[in-house]
Amino acid sequence: MTSEPAAQPMAKPKSDLRVRALSALVMAVIVLFATFLGGVTYRLFAVLLALLVYYEWTGMKPTLPRDNRLIGWGALVASLAPLVIGLPDWVVVIGIALASLLVGLHAMGSNVRFWNAYGVAYAALPALAIATLRNDTMDGLIIVLYLYAVVWATDIVAYFVGRAIGGPKLAPSISPGKTWSGAVGGTVGAAVAGVALIQVMGISGSALIFAAILAVALSIMSQAGDLFESALKRRTGVKDSGRLIPGHGGVMDRVDGLIAAALLLYAALALAGFAGTLPDGLLGQ
């Protein structure tokens, strides 16, 4: 997720902003293409995302023993295989839990302890969440597009509002560039984007109120996910999680907010009765 610039330092050169914008555009096209295709294409996309996140997670801890890394990779792939072939999500959840437990038990007594086990869960659970939410239905497509709209709007609006207004820092010890003005602006922008997306999809009525309230919760969760990843990087002494994306850093730097928001949305809709299609009336249809 993009960090808001501090109020004092010199603005980034226009060339840097162009690179960031171009990279963001390319990523958006790829993500939306996979999302609209759905099916096994989107499930494979979710798995690829998980693999890249896990790669960067382990890269932040170079002291991880080689055998523990290999076990982690094997456990992650094995836990996500049922997702690719379309088995029920509870099977995948059990697989992820067992995979994380296996990796954690293997690390017992080492100086890295459960770092790798946490990495398996951190990478795999969001992949399960977005793949299950998409679920090859029109409802699923709407929900995933809504998730993107909320998270992306949070990121973009927070950046520009924080840059324009500045003010008190949100979490100076974790991410000095973030401000309260940016956080509030991002949350408002998320609510507007979420409601707009739902309206574009032809949904109206009380569903718009629900969409706005949910967008606020998802935006806050997205920003919390961003701060969590920033704290991880500070703890491990790295500036970016990786260098795969020009102008942005690593994959984790771009999907930290999406990871957190997707998990919250998955949990919320599961509690509401989500199982392939949304509960009747949830979106005002």
Foldseek 3Di string as FASTA:
>chain_A
DDFAAAQPDDDDDVVLVVQVVVLVVVVVVVLVVQLVVAALSLLVVLLVQLVQQLVLLVVLPVPDDPVLSVLLVVLLCVLSVCSNVPDDLVSSVVSLVVSLVVSQVVCPPPPCRSSSSVSSCLSRVLSSLLSQLSLVDPQSSLVNVLLCQLLVLLNVQLRVQCNVPPDDADDCVQRVNGRPRSLVRSLVSSLVRNLVSLVVVVFDDPLNVVSSVLSSVLSVQLVVLLSVVSNSCVVSVHDASAQPGRSQGGSCSVCSSVSRSSNVVSVVQVVQPDGSHGPPCNRDD
